[in-house]
Amino acid sequence: MDATSHSRSFTSRLGSWLRDRSPYEGRIFRAGGVKLGFEPVRERIPIWLAALLPQSLELTGEIADGWMPTLVPVEMIASARAAIARGAARAGRDPKEITIAPTLNLMVTDDPDAALPLLKFAVAIYYGPDNSPYARAAASLGYADDVAAIVGQYATGGSSAAAKVVSDRLARSIAVAGPLVDCRRQIGEVLRSGADRVILGMPAGTRAECEPIFSALASSTTSSQ
């Protein structure tokens, strides 16, 4: 059984664990008399997937409530939405039931180029290993040369070597970075490209440091509408 079938089998059982003690005998998962030991706050557990490849994206459309990828180029949103819609149609669902919510690194800074080394290292870690789904997804979006260089350097020199060959273009595609006004513009572009919402990575090390940044973004966005 492939990974997609594993996911379908597991998620099909999540909802029944809330109230049902009847045994479950699946091909992969088996459970007898399992029930949550606490009162759930909701009757249904939302399923959000971070799928990256076509088959798993279509599975997202079949069974999930949301799609929340991370560390993939924002250009992926349009093609992913189409794949999710195909899966939803196959399951008789409305694609609008699935929330598209990419996760992007947020770096509010007057010098966005200074953020590139950190972004490039993150790309190297996830794209470098053999058969990385992140690399495969990016390669299909016009980053094949970037991916080939990253994978080659990773094989011989690890993450540090791979980070040196990550292009500025690829690094910028996984983040929202720059002065506050530019960050707001970039978020707007992601929403217009097909995202229903944007999940932003923590822009600082503590809650006290992050709250003013998010507040400023929220107030700026509200005032611009």
N, C-alpha and C. Protein backbone atom coordinates (compact mmCIF):
# COMPACT_ATOMS: atom_id res chain seq x y z
N MET A 1 0.86 -1.20 0.00
CA MET A 1 0.00 0.00 0.00
C MET A 1 0.89 1.24 0.00
N ASP A 2 0.55 2.21 -0.88
CA ASP A 2 1.37 3.40 -0.97
C ASP A 2 1.00 4.41 0.12
N ALA A 3 1.79 5.51 0.16
CA ALA A 3 1.59 6.50 1.22
C ALA A 3 0.21 7.13 1.15
N THR A 4 -0.31 7.33 -0.06
CA THR A 4 -1.63 7.93 -0.20
C THR A 4 -2.69 7.03 0.42
N SER A 5 -2.59 5.74 0.18
CA SER A 5 -3.55 4.80 0.75
C SER A 5 -3.44 4.75 2.27
N HIS A 6 -2.20 4.84 2.78
CA HIS A 6 -2.00 4.91 4.22
C HIS A 6 -2.76 6.09 4.80
N SER A 7 -2.61 7.25 4.16
CA SER A 7 -3.26 8.47 4.66
C SER A 7 -4.77 8.34 4.61
N ARG A 8 -5.29 7.79 3.53
CA ARG A 8 -6.74 7.63 3.40
C ARG A 8 -7.27 6.70 4.49
N SER A 9 -6.56 5.61 4.76
CA SER A 9 -6.98 4.66 5.79
C SER A 9 -6.98 5.30 7.17
N PHE A 10 -5.93 6.06 7.47
CA PHE A 10 -5.82 6.67 8.79
C PHE A 10 -6.88 7.73 9.01
N THR A 11 -7.04 8.62 8.05
CA THR A 11 -7.98 9.72 8.24
C THR A 11 -9.42 9.23 8.26
N SER A 12 -9.70 8.12 7.60
CA SER A 12 -11.06 7.59 7.61
C SER A 12 -11.47 7.15 9.00
N ARG A 13 -10.47 6.86 9.85
CA ARG A 13 -10.75 6.36 11.19
C ARG A 13 -10.80 7.48 12.23
N LEU A 14 -10.25 8.62 11.97
CA LEU A 14 -10.15 9.67 12.99
C LEU A 14 -11.49 10.06 13.57
N GLY A 15 -12.47 10.30 12.72
CA GLY A 15 -13.76 10.76 13.21
C GLY A 15 -14.43 9.76 14.13
N SER A 16 -14.35 8.47 13.81
CA SER A 16 -15.05 7.48 14.61
C SER A 16 -14.41 7.29 15.98
N TRP A 17 -13.16 7.68 16.16
CA TRP A 17 -12.53 7.56 17.47
C TRP A 17 -13.18 8.48 18.51
N LEU A 18 -13.91 9.48 18.06
CA LEU A 18 -14.50 10.41 19.00
C LEU A 18 -15.55 9.75 19.88
N ARG A 19 -16.42 8.94 19.28
CA ARG A 19 -17.55 8.40 20.04
C ARG A 19 -17.68 6.88 19.97
N ASP A 20 -17.11 6.28 18.96
CA ASP A 20 -17.39 4.89 18.64
C ASP A 20 -16.33 3.96 19.24
N ARG A 21 -16.75 2.94 20.01
CA ARG A 21 -15.82 1.97 20.58
C ARG A 21 -15.71 0.69 19.75
N SER A 22 -16.42 0.62 18.65
CA SER A 22 -16.40 -0.62 17.87
C SER A 22 -15.02 -0.86 17.27
N PRO A 23 -14.61 -2.12 17.16
CA PRO A 23 -13.29 -2.42 16.60
C PRO A 23 -13.16 -1.95 15.17
N TYR A 24 -11.92 -1.61 14.81
CA TYR A 24 -11.62 -1.21 13.44
C TYR A 24 -10.54 -2.14 12.92
N GLU A 25 -10.80 -2.80 11.80
CA GLU A 25 -9.85 -3.74 11.21
C GLU A 25 -9.55 -3.30 9.78
N GLY A 26 -8.64 -2.37 9.63
CA GLY A 26 -8.23 -1.94 8.31
C GLY A 26 -7.05 -2.73 7.80
N ARG A 27 -6.62 -2.43 6.60
CA ARG A 27 -5.46 -3.14 6.04
C ARG A 27 -4.18 -2.76 6.75
N ILE A 28 -4.10 -1.54 7.25
CA ILE A 28 -2.90 -1.06 7.92
C ILE A 28 -3.14 -0.84 9.41
N PHE A 29 -4.21 -0.11 9.74
CA PHE A 29 -4.48 0.25 11.13
C PHE A 29 -5.55 -0.67 11.72
N ARG A 30 -5.32 -1.11 12.95
CA ARG A 30 -6.28 -1.94 13.68
C ARG A 30 -6.43 -1.39 15.09
N ALA A 31 -7.66 -1.29 15.52
CA ALA A 31 -7.91 -0.77 16.86
C ALA A 31 -9.18 -1.41 17.42
N GLY A 32 -9.08 -1.87 18.66
CA GLY A 32 -10.24 -2.48 19.30
C GLY A 32 -10.67 -1.67 20.51
N GLY A 33 -11.91 -1.18 20.48
CA GLY A 33 -12.44 -0.47 21.63
C GLY A 33 -11.77 0.86 21.93
N VAL A 34 -11.18 1.49 20.92
CA VAL A 34 -10.47 2.76 21.14
C VAL A 34 -11.47 3.91 21.22
N LYS A 35 -11.29 4.75 22.22
CA LYS A 35 -12.11 5.96 22.34
C LYS A 35 -11.30 7.00 23.08
N LEU A 36 -11.51 8.24 22.74
CA LEU A 36 -10.81 9.32 23.44
C LEU A 36 -11.14 9.30 24.92
N GLY A 37 -10.13 9.58 25.74
CA GLY A 37 -10.32 9.58 27.18
C GLY A 37 -10.75 10.92 27.73
N PHE A 38 -11.20 11.81 26.90
CA PHE A 38 -11.66 13.13 27.33
C PHE A 38 -12.81 13.56 26.45
N GLU A 39 -13.56 14.55 26.89
CA GLU A 39 -14.67 15.05 26.13
C GLU A 39 -14.17 15.97 25.02
N PRO A 40 -14.39 15.63 23.76
CA PRO A 40 -13.88 16.46 22.67
C PRO A 40 -14.60 17.81 22.60
N VAL A 41 -13.88 18.81 22.17
CA VAL A 41 -14.47 20.15 22.07
C VAL A 41 -15.30 20.30 20.80
N ARG A 42 -15.17 19.33 19.88
CA ARG A 42 -15.96 19.37 18.65
C ARG A 42 -16.25 17.93 18.24
N GLU A 43 -17.30 17.78 17.47
CA GLU A 43 -17.70 16.44 17.04
C GLU A 43 -16.84 15.91 15.91
N ARG A 44 -16.24 16.79 15.18
CA ARG A 44 -15.47 16.37 14.01
C ARG A 44 -14.07 16.96 14.06
N ILE A 45 -13.07 16.11 13.82
CA ILE A 45 -11.68 16.56 13.82
C ILE A 45 -11.33 17.07 12.42
N PRO A 46 -10.98 18.34 12.27
CA PRO A 46 -10.59 18.84 10.94
C PRO A 46 -9.29 18.17 10.47
N ILE A 47 -9.24 17.86 9.20
CA ILE A 47 -8.07 17.23 8.60
C ILE A 47 -7.39 18.24 7.70
N TRP A 48 -6.15 18.59 8.03
CA TRP A 48 -5.36 19.51 7.20
C TRP A 48 -4.10 18.77 6.74
N LEU A 49 -3.84 18.80 5.46
CA LEU A 49 -2.69 18.10 4.91
C LEU A 49 -1.69 19.10 4.31
N ALA A 50 -0.42 18.69 4.33
CA ALA A 50 0.64 19.52 3.75
C ALA A 50 1.18 18.83 2.50
N ALA A 51 0.27 18.34 1.67
CA ALA A 51 0.63 17.58 0.48
C ALA A 51 1.47 18.41 -0.48
N LEU A 52 2.34 17.73 -1.24
CA LEU A 52 3.24 18.42 -2.16
C LEU A 52 3.17 17.89 -3.59
N LEU A 53 2.81 16.63 -3.76
CA LEU A 53 2.85 16.00 -5.07
C LEU A 53 1.42 15.73 -5.58
N PRO A 54 1.24 15.56 -6.89
CA PRO A 54 -0.10 15.50 -7.46
C PRO A 54 -1.04 14.50 -6.81
N GLN A 55 -0.57 13.28 -6.57
CA GLN A 55 -1.46 12.26 -6.02
C GLN A 55 -1.95 12.64 -4.62
N SER A 56 -1.03 13.14 -3.80
CA SER A 56 -1.44 13.52 -2.45
C SER A 56 -2.24 14.81 -2.44
N LEU A 57 -2.02 15.68 -3.42
CA LEU A 57 -2.85 16.88 -3.53
C LEU A 57 -4.29 16.50 -3.88
N GLU A 58 -4.45 15.54 -4.76
CA GLU A 58 -5.80 15.09 -5.09
C GLU A 58 -6.45 14.42 -3.89
N LEU A 59 -5.66 13.69 -3.10
CA LEU A 59 -6.19 13.10 -1.86
C LEU A 59 -6.68 14.20 -0.92
N THR A 60 -5.95 15.31 -0.88
CA THR A 60 -6.38 16.45 -0.07
C THR A 60 -7.78 16.89 -0.48
N GLY A 61 -8.03 16.94 -1.78
CA GLY A 61 -9.35 17.30 -2.25
C GLY A 61 -10.42 16.29 -1.88
N GLU A 62 -10.03 15.02 -1.78
CA GLU A 62 -10.99 13.98 -1.44
C GLU A 62 -11.40 14.02 0.03
N ILE A 63 -10.43 14.21 0.93
CA ILE A 63 -10.71 13.94 2.34
C ILE A 63 -10.41 15.08 3.30
N ALA A 64 -9.71 16.12 2.86
CA ALA A 64 -9.21 17.11 3.81
C ALA A 64 -10.09 18.35 3.89
N ASP A 65 -9.89 19.07 4.98
CA ASP A 65 -10.56 20.35 5.17
C ASP A 65 -9.66 21.51 4.77
N GLY A 66 -8.36 21.27 4.73
CA GLY A 66 -7.45 22.35 4.39
C GLY A 66 -6.13 21.83 3.87
N TRP A 67 -5.44 22.72 3.15
CA TRP A 67 -4.09 22.43 2.62
C TRP A 67 -3.15 23.49 3.15
N MET A 68 -2.09 23.07 3.84
CA MET A 68 -1.17 24.02 4.46
C MET A 68 0.28 23.64 4.20
N PRO A 69 0.75 23.82 2.96
CA PRO A 69 2.13 23.47 2.63
C PRO A 69 3.11 24.48 3.23
N THR A 70 4.34 24.07 3.34
CA THR A 70 5.38 24.98 3.79
C THR A 70 6.65 24.75 2.98
N LEU A 71 7.46 25.79 2.85
CA LEU A 71 8.75 25.71 2.17
C LEU A 71 8.63 25.31 0.70
N VAL A 72 7.51 25.69 0.08
CA VAL A 72 7.38 25.49 -1.36
C VAL A 72 7.14 26.84 -2.02
N PRO A 73 7.54 27.00 -3.26
CA PRO A 73 7.34 28.28 -3.95
C PRO A 73 5.86 28.66 -4.00
N VAL A 74 5.60 29.95 -3.88
CA VAL A 74 4.21 30.41 -3.91
C VAL A 74 3.57 30.12 -5.27
N GLU A 75 4.37 29.93 -6.30
CA GLU A 75 3.83 29.60 -7.62
C GLU A 75 3.04 28.30 -7.60
N MET A 76 3.22 27.50 -6.57
CA MET A 76 2.56 26.21 -6.50
C MET A 76 1.06 26.32 -6.22
N ILE A 77 0.61 27.45 -5.72
CA ILE A 77 -0.77 27.57 -5.27
C ILE A 77 -1.76 27.27 -6.39
N ALA A 78 -1.55 27.84 -7.56
CA ALA A 78 -2.51 27.66 -8.66
C ALA A 78 -2.61 26.20 -9.09
N SER A 79 -1.46 25.54 -9.31
CA SER A 79 -1.50 24.14 -9.76
C SER A 79 -2.03 23.23 -8.67
N ALA A 80 -1.70 23.54 -7.42
CA ALA A 80 -2.19 22.72 -6.31
C ALA A 80 -3.70 22.85 -6.18
N ARG A 81 -4.20 24.07 -6.34
CA ARG A 81 -5.65 24.26 -6.26
C ARG A 81 -6.37 23.43 -7.32
N ALA A 82 -5.79 23.35 -8.52
CA ALA A 82 -6.40 22.57 -9.59
C ALA A 82 -6.41 21.08 -9.24
N ALA A 83 -5.29 20.57 -8.69
CA ALA A 83 -5.21 19.16 -8.30
C ALA A 83 -6.19 18.85 -7.17
N ILE A 84 -6.29 19.76 -6.21
CA ILE A 84 -7.23 19.57 -5.11
C ILE A 84 -8.66 19.55 -5.64
N ALA A 85 -8.94 20.39 -6.61
CA ALA A 85 -10.28 20.42 -7.20
C ALA A 85 -10.60 19.10 -7.89
N ARG A 86 -9.61 18.49 -8.54
CA ARG A 86 -9.85 17.19 -9.19
C ARG A 86 -10.21 16.14 -8.15
N GLY A 87 -9.47 16.13 -7.05
CA GLY A 87 -9.78 15.16 -6.00
C GLY A 87 -11.14 15.40 -5.39
N ALA A 88 -11.48 16.67 -5.19
CA ALA A 88 -12.78 17.00 -4.62
C ALA A 88 -13.90 16.54 -5.55
N ALA A 89 -13.74 16.76 -6.86
CA ALA A 89 -14.77 16.34 -7.82
C ALA A 89 -14.95 14.82 -7.79
N ARG A 90 -13.85 14.10 -7.66
CA ARG A 90 -13.93 12.64 -7.62
C ARG A 90 -14.71 12.16 -6.39
N ALA A 91 -14.62 12.91 -5.31
CA ALA A 91 -15.32 12.54 -4.07
C ALA A 91 -16.69 13.20 -3.95
N GLY A 92 -17.09 13.94 -5.00
CA GLY A 92 -18.38 14.60 -4.95
C GLY A 92 -18.43 15.77 -3.99
N ARG A 93 -17.29 16.44 -3.81
CA ARG A 93 -17.21 17.57 -2.89
C ARG A 93 -17.06 18.88 -3.65
N ASP A 94 -17.41 19.95 -2.99
CA ASP A 94 -17.18 21.28 -3.52
C ASP A 94 -15.75 21.69 -3.16
N PRO A 95 -14.90 22.03 -4.14
CA PRO A 95 -13.52 22.41 -3.81
C PRO A 95 -13.43 23.57 -2.83
N LYS A 96 -14.48 24.38 -2.76
CA LYS A 96 -14.46 25.51 -1.84
C LYS A 96 -14.48 25.07 -0.38
N GLU A 97 -14.77 23.78 -0.15
CA GLU A 97 -14.76 23.26 1.22
C GLU A 97 -13.33 23.14 1.75
N ILE A 98 -12.35 23.14 0.86
CA ILE A 98 -10.95 22.95 1.28
C ILE A 98 -10.27 24.32 1.34
N THR A 99 -9.78 24.68 2.50
CA THR A 99 -9.10 25.96 2.69
C THR A 99 -7.66 25.87 2.21
N ILE A 100 -7.26 26.79 1.36
CA ILE A 100 -5.88 26.85 0.85
C ILE A 100 -5.11 27.84 1.71
N ALA A 101 -4.15 27.34 2.48
CA ALA A 101 -3.46 28.19 3.46
C ALA A 101 -1.97 27.89 3.50
N PRO A 102 -1.20 28.39 2.54
CA PRO A 102 0.25 28.16 2.55
C PRO A 102 0.92 28.82 3.75
N THR A 103 1.96 28.16 4.24
CA THR A 103 2.76 28.70 5.34
C THR A 103 4.02 29.32 4.76
N LEU A 104 4.26 30.59 5.10
CA LEU A 104 5.43 31.30 4.60
C LEU A 104 6.23 31.88 5.76
N ASN A 105 7.54 31.86 5.62
CA ASN A 105 8.40 32.51 6.61
C ASN A 105 8.17 34.02 6.54
N LEU A 106 8.01 34.64 7.69
CA LEU A 106 7.83 36.09 7.75
C LEU A 106 9.08 36.73 8.34
N MET A 107 9.67 37.66 7.59
CA MET A 107 10.85 38.38 8.06
C MET A 107 10.68 39.86 7.74
N VAL A 108 10.29 40.63 8.75
CA VAL A 108 10.11 42.06 8.58
C VAL A 108 11.45 42.74 8.83
N THR A 109 12.01 43.31 7.76
CA THR A 109 13.34 43.89 7.85
C THR A 109 13.52 44.95 6.77
N ASP A 110 14.32 45.96 7.06
CA ASP A 110 14.64 46.97 6.05
C ASP A 110 15.68 46.48 5.05
N ASP A 111 16.27 45.31 5.34
CA ASP A 111 17.28 44.74 4.45
C ASP A 111 16.91 43.30 4.12
N PRO A 112 15.97 43.09 3.18
CA PRO A 112 15.53 41.72 2.88
C PRO A 112 16.64 40.80 2.40
N ASP A 113 17.67 41.36 1.79
CA ASP A 113 18.78 40.50 1.36
C ASP A 113 19.49 39.84 2.53
N ALA A 114 19.44 40.51 3.70
CA ALA A 114 20.09 39.93 4.88
C ALA A 114 19.38 38.67 5.35
N ALA A 115 18.10 38.49 4.96
CA ALA A 115 17.35 37.31 5.35
C ALA A 115 17.64 36.11 4.46
N LEU A 116 18.25 36.34 3.31
CA LEU A 116 18.44 35.27 2.34
C LEU A 116 19.26 34.08 2.85
N PRO A 117 20.38 34.28 3.57
CA PRO A 117 21.14 33.11 4.03
C PRO A 117 20.32 32.13 4.86
N LEU A 118 19.47 32.66 5.76
CA LEU A 118 18.64 31.78 6.58
C LEU A 118 17.63 31.04 5.72
N LEU A 119 17.02 31.72 4.77
CA LEU A 119 16.05 31.09 3.88
C LEU A 119 16.72 30.03 3.01
N LYS A 120 17.90 30.34 2.53
CA LYS A 120 18.61 29.38 1.68
C LYS A 120 19.00 28.12 2.44
N PHE A 121 19.36 28.28 3.70
CA PHE A 121 19.71 27.10 4.49
C PHE A 121 18.48 26.23 4.72
N ALA A 122 17.33 26.86 4.94
CA ALA A 122 16.09 26.09 5.10
C ALA A 122 15.77 25.31 3.83
N VAL A 123 15.93 25.95 2.68
CA VAL A 123 15.71 25.27 1.41
C VAL A 123 16.67 24.09 1.26
N ALA A 124 17.93 24.30 1.59
CA ALA A 124 18.93 23.25 1.44
C ALA A 124 18.59 22.02 2.27
N ILE A 125 18.14 22.23 3.50
CA ILE A 125 17.82 21.12 4.39
C ILE A 125 16.69 20.25 3.82
N TYR A 126 15.67 20.91 3.27
CA TYR A 126 14.49 20.17 2.82
C TYR A 126 14.58 19.71 1.37
N TYR A 127 15.30 20.45 0.54
CA TYR A 127 15.37 20.10 -0.87
C TYR A 127 16.54 19.18 -1.21
N GLY A 128 17.56 19.15 -0.37
CA GLY A 128 18.78 18.44 -0.70
C GLY A 128 18.71 16.93 -0.70
N PRO A 129 18.03 16.30 0.26
CA PRO A 129 18.03 14.83 0.33
C PRO A 129 17.45 14.17 -0.91
N ASP A 130 17.93 12.96 -1.18
CA ASP A 130 17.43 12.20 -2.34
C ASP A 130 15.92 12.06 -2.29
N ASN A 131 15.30 12.21 -3.44
CA ASN A 131 13.86 12.00 -3.61
C ASN A 131 13.02 12.91 -2.71
N SER A 132 13.52 14.09 -2.41
CA SER A 132 12.77 15.04 -1.59
C SER A 132 11.50 15.47 -2.30
N PRO A 133 10.33 15.35 -1.67
CA PRO A 133 9.10 15.83 -2.32
C PRO A 133 9.11 17.34 -2.51
N TYR A 134 9.82 18.07 -1.64
CA TYR A 134 9.94 19.52 -1.80
C TYR A 134 10.68 19.83 -3.10
N ALA A 135 11.77 19.11 -3.33
CA ALA A 135 12.55 19.34 -4.54
C ALA A 135 11.75 18.97 -5.78
N ARG A 136 11.05 17.87 -5.72
CA ARG A 136 10.25 17.44 -6.87
C ARG A 136 9.16 18.45 -7.19
N ALA A 137 8.52 18.97 -6.17
CA ALA A 137 7.47 19.96 -6.38
C ALA A 137 8.05 21.24 -7.00
N ALA A 138 9.17 21.71 -6.46
CA ALA A 138 9.78 22.93 -6.98
C ALA A 138 10.28 22.75 -8.40
N ALA A 139 10.82 21.59 -8.71
CA ALA A 139 11.33 21.33 -10.05
C ALA A 139 10.22 21.43 -11.09
N SER A 140 9.02 21.03 -10.72
CA SER A 140 7.90 21.07 -11.65
C SER A 140 7.37 22.49 -11.87
N LEU A 141 7.87 23.44 -11.07
CA LEU A 141 7.39 24.82 -11.14
C LEU A 141 8.39 25.77 -11.80
N GLY A 142 9.39 25.19 -12.47
CA GLY A 142 10.37 26.02 -13.15
C GLY A 142 11.68 26.20 -12.39
N TYR A 143 11.88 25.40 -11.36
CA TYR A 143 13.10 25.49 -10.56
C TYR A 143 13.97 24.25 -10.72
N ALA A 144 13.86 23.58 -11.86
CA ALA A 144 14.60 22.32 -12.05
C ALA A 144 16.11 22.52 -11.96
N ASP A 145 16.64 23.60 -12.54
CA ASP A 145 18.08 23.85 -12.47
C ASP A 145 18.51 24.11 -11.03
N ASP A 146 17.71 24.88 -10.31
CA ASP A 146 18.02 25.15 -8.91
C ASP A 146 18.08 23.84 -8.11
N VAL A 147 17.07 23.01 -8.32
CA VAL A 147 16.97 21.75 -7.59
C VAL A 147 18.16 20.85 -7.89
N ALA A 148 18.53 20.76 -9.18
CA ALA A 148 19.66 19.91 -9.55
C ALA A 148 20.94 20.37 -8.86
N ALA A 149 21.15 21.67 -8.80
CA ALA A 149 22.35 22.19 -8.14
C ALA A 149 22.33 21.91 -6.64
N ILE A 150 21.18 22.09 -6.02
CA ILE A 150 21.05 21.86 -4.58
C ILE A 150 21.31 20.40 -4.25
N VAL A 151 20.66 19.51 -4.99
CA VAL A 151 20.80 18.08 -4.72
C VAL A 151 22.24 17.63 -4.91
N GLY A 152 22.88 18.14 -5.97
CA GLY A 152 24.27 17.77 -6.22
C GLY A 152 25.20 18.21 -5.11
N GLN A 153 25.05 19.43 -4.65
CA GLN A 153 25.91 19.93 -3.58
C GLN A 153 25.60 19.26 -2.25
N TYR A 154 24.34 18.97 -2.02
CA TYR A 154 23.96 18.31 -0.76
C TYR A 154 24.60 16.92 -0.67
N ALA A 155 24.66 16.23 -1.81
CA ALA A 155 25.21 14.86 -1.82
C ALA A 155 26.69 14.84 -1.46
N THR A 156 27.40 15.90 -1.80
CA THR A 156 28.84 15.90 -1.56
C THR A 156 29.26 16.74 -0.35
N GLY A 157 28.47 17.77 -0.03
CA GLY A 157 28.89 18.66 1.05
C GLY A 157 27.86 18.97 2.10
N GLY A 158 26.68 18.33 2.02
CA GLY A 158 25.66 18.54 3.03
C GLY A 158 24.92 19.87 2.89
N SER A 159 24.21 20.25 3.95
CA SER A 159 23.33 21.41 3.90
C SER A 159 24.08 22.71 3.66
N SER A 160 25.22 22.86 4.29
CA SER A 160 25.97 24.12 4.14
C SER A 160 26.40 24.35 2.70
N ALA A 161 26.88 23.28 2.05
CA ALA A 161 27.29 23.41 0.65
C ALA A 161 26.07 23.66 -0.24
N ALA A 162 24.99 22.97 0.04
CA ALA A 162 23.78 23.13 -0.78
C ALA A 162 23.21 24.54 -0.65
N ALA A 163 23.28 25.12 0.55
CA ALA A 163 22.73 26.46 0.76
C ALA A 163 23.43 27.50 -0.13
N LYS A 164 24.68 27.28 -0.45
CA LYS A 164 25.44 28.24 -1.24
C LYS A 164 24.97 28.32 -2.68
N VAL A 165 24.27 27.29 -3.16
CA VAL A 165 23.84 27.30 -4.56
C VAL A 165 22.34 27.55 -4.70
N VAL A 166 21.64 27.79 -3.58
CA VAL A 166 20.22 28.13 -3.66
C VAL A 166 20.10 29.54 -4.25
N SER A 167 19.30 29.70 -5.27
CA SER A 167 19.17 31.01 -5.91
C SER A 167 18.36 31.96 -5.05
N ASP A 168 18.61 33.25 -5.23
CA ASP A 168 17.83 34.26 -4.52
C ASP A 168 16.35 34.10 -4.87
N ARG A 169 16.07 33.81 -6.12
CA ARG A 169 14.69 33.68 -6.58
C ARG A 169 13.95 32.57 -5.82
N LEU A 170 14.59 31.43 -5.67
CA LEU A 170 13.95 30.31 -4.96
C LEU A 170 13.78 30.65 -3.49
N ALA A 171 14.81 31.23 -2.88
CA ALA A 171 14.72 31.58 -1.46
C ALA A 171 13.58 32.56 -1.20
N ARG A 172 13.45 33.54 -2.07
CA ARG A 172 12.39 34.55 -1.87
C ARG A 172 11.00 33.96 -2.08
N SER A 173 10.91 32.88 -2.85
CA SER A 173 9.59 32.32 -3.19
C SER A 173 8.93 31.60 -2.02
N ILE A 174 9.68 31.33 -0.96
CA ILE A 174 9.12 30.61 0.18
C ILE A 174 8.86 31.53 1.37
N ALA A 175 8.99 32.85 1.17
CA ALA A 175 8.95 33.76 2.30
C ALA A 175 8.23 35.05 1.98
N VAL A 176 7.86 35.74 3.05
CA VAL A 176 7.41 37.13 2.99
C VAL A 176 8.48 37.91 3.73
N ALA A 177 9.23 38.74 3.01
CA ALA A 177 10.38 39.40 3.63
C ALA A 177 10.53 40.82 3.11
N GLY A 178 10.92 41.73 4.01
CA GLY A 178 11.16 43.11 3.63
C GLY A 178 10.54 44.05 4.64
N PRO A 179 10.51 45.35 4.33
CA PRO A 179 9.83 46.31 5.20
C PRO A 179 8.35 45.96 5.33
N LEU A 180 7.72 46.51 6.34
CA LEU A 180 6.33 46.18 6.64
C LEU A 180 5.42 46.38 5.43
N VAL A 181 5.58 47.48 4.72
CA VAL A 181 4.70 47.76 3.58
C VAL A 181 4.90 46.73 2.48
N ASP A 182 6.13 46.26 2.28
CA ASP A 182 6.40 45.25 1.26
C ASP A 182 5.82 43.89 1.69
N CYS A 183 5.92 43.58 2.98
CA CYS A 183 5.36 42.32 3.49
C CYS A 183 3.85 42.30 3.27
N ARG A 184 3.20 43.42 3.54
CA ARG A 184 1.77 43.50 3.33
C ARG A 184 1.43 43.28 1.86
N ARG A 185 2.21 43.89 0.97
CA ARG A 185 1.98 43.72 -0.48
C ARG A 185 2.17 42.27 -0.88
N GLN A 186 3.20 41.62 -0.39
CA GLN A 186 3.47 40.23 -0.74
C GLN A 186 2.35 39.31 -0.26
N ILE A 187 1.84 39.57 0.93
CA ILE A 187 0.73 38.76 1.44
C ILE A 187 -0.49 38.93 0.54
N GLY A 188 -0.74 40.15 0.12
CA GLY A 188 -1.85 40.40 -0.80
C GLY A 188 -1.70 39.65 -2.10
N GLU A 189 -0.48 39.58 -2.62
CA GLU A 189 -0.23 38.87 -3.87
C GLU A 189 -0.49 37.37 -3.71
N VAL A 190 -0.10 36.82 -2.56
CA VAL A 190 -0.35 35.39 -2.32
C VAL A 190 -1.85 35.12 -2.26
N LEU A 191 -2.59 35.98 -1.60
CA LEU A 191 -4.04 35.81 -1.51
C LEU A 191 -4.68 35.92 -2.90
N ARG A 192 -4.20 36.85 -3.71
CA ARG A 192 -4.76 37.00 -5.05
C ARG A 192 -4.39 35.84 -5.97
N SER A 193 -3.33 35.14 -5.64
CA SER A 193 -2.91 34.01 -6.47
C SER A 193 -3.72 32.74 -6.21
N GLY A 194 -4.60 32.79 -5.21
CA GLY A 194 -5.46 31.64 -4.97
C GLY A 194 -5.51 31.14 -3.55
N ALA A 195 -4.74 31.71 -2.64
CA ALA A 195 -4.80 31.30 -1.24
C ALA A 195 -6.01 31.91 -0.56
N ASP A 196 -6.62 31.14 0.33
CA ASP A 196 -7.74 31.66 1.13
C ASP A 196 -7.25 32.40 2.36
N ARG A 197 -6.10 31.98 2.86
CA ARG A 197 -5.45 32.65 3.98
C ARG A 197 -3.97 32.34 3.92
N VAL A 198 -3.18 33.08 4.65
CA VAL A 198 -1.73 32.86 4.69
C VAL A 198 -1.32 32.62 6.14
N ILE A 199 -0.61 31.53 6.36
CA ILE A 199 -0.06 31.23 7.68
C ILE A 199 1.37 31.74 7.69
N LEU A 200 1.70 32.59 8.64
CA LEU A 200 3.02 33.21 8.69
C LEU A 200 3.86 32.63 9.81
N GLY A 201 5.11 32.30 9.49
CA GLY A 201 6.03 31.83 10.50
C GLY A 201 6.36 32.94 11.49
N MET A 202 6.76 32.56 12.68
CA MET A 202 7.08 33.54 13.71
C MET A 202 8.23 34.42 13.27
N PRO A 203 8.04 35.74 13.28
CA PRO A 203 9.09 36.64 12.78
C PRO A 203 10.14 37.01 13.81
N ALA A 204 10.01 36.51 15.04
CA ALA A 204 10.97 36.83 16.10
C ALA A 204 10.98 35.68 17.11
N GLY A 205 11.85 35.78 18.10
CA GLY A 205 12.06 34.67 19.00
C GLY A 205 11.07 34.54 20.14
N THR A 206 10.36 35.59 20.48
CA THR A 206 9.44 35.54 21.61
C THR A 206 8.08 36.12 21.22
N ARG A 207 7.08 35.79 22.02
CA ARG A 207 5.74 36.33 21.77
C ARG A 207 5.74 37.85 21.89
N ALA A 208 6.46 38.36 22.88
CA ALA A 208 6.50 39.81 23.09
C ALA A 208 7.07 40.53 21.88
N GLU A 209 8.02 39.90 21.20
CA GLU A 209 8.60 40.51 20.00
C GLU A 209 7.70 40.35 18.78
N CYS A 210 6.96 39.24 18.72
CA CYS A 210 6.14 38.97 17.55
C CYS A 210 4.84 39.77 17.53
N GLU A 211 4.23 39.97 18.69
CA GLU A 211 2.91 40.59 18.73
C GLU A 211 2.86 41.97 18.06
N PRO A 212 3.84 42.88 18.34
CA PRO A 212 3.77 44.17 17.66
C PRO A 212 3.89 44.08 16.15
N ILE A 213 4.65 43.09 15.66
CA ILE A 213 4.81 42.92 14.22
C ILE A 213 3.49 42.49 13.59
N PHE A 214 2.85 41.48 14.19
CA PHE A 214 1.58 41.00 13.65
C PHE A 214 0.50 42.07 13.78
N SER A 215 0.52 42.82 14.88
CA SER A 215 -0.47 43.89 15.06
C SER A 215 -0.31 44.96 13.98
N ALA A 216 0.93 45.31 13.69
CA ALA A 216 1.20 46.32 12.66
C ALA A 216 0.76 45.82 11.29
N LEU A 217 1.01 44.55 11.00
CA LEU A 217 0.58 43.98 9.72
C LEU A 217 -0.96 44.00 9.62
N ALA A 218 -1.60 43.59 10.71
CA ALA A 218 -3.06 43.53 10.70
C ALA A 218 -3.67 44.91 10.53
N SER A 219 -3.17 45.89 11.25
CA SER A 219 -3.73 47.25 11.17
C SER A 219 -3.45 47.87 9.81
N SER A 220 -2.27 47.59 9.26
CA SER A 220 -1.93 48.12 7.95
C SER A 220 -2.81 47.51 6.88
N THR A 221 -3.07 46.20 7.00
CA THR A 221 -3.91 45.53 6.02
C THR A 221 -5.34 46.06 6.08
N THR A 222 -5.83 46.26 7.32
CA THR A 222 -7.20 46.77 7.48
C THR A 222 -7.36 48.17 6.91
N SER A 223 -6.36 49.01 7.17
CA SER A 223 -6.46 50.39 6.70
C SER A 223 -6.33 50.53 5.21
N SER A 224 -5.74 49.52 4.56
CA SER A 224 -5.53 49.59 3.11
C SER A 224 -6.73 49.07 2.33
N GLN A 225 -7.70 48.45 3.04
CA GLN A 225 -8.84 47.86 2.33
C GLN A 225 -9.91 48.91 2.06
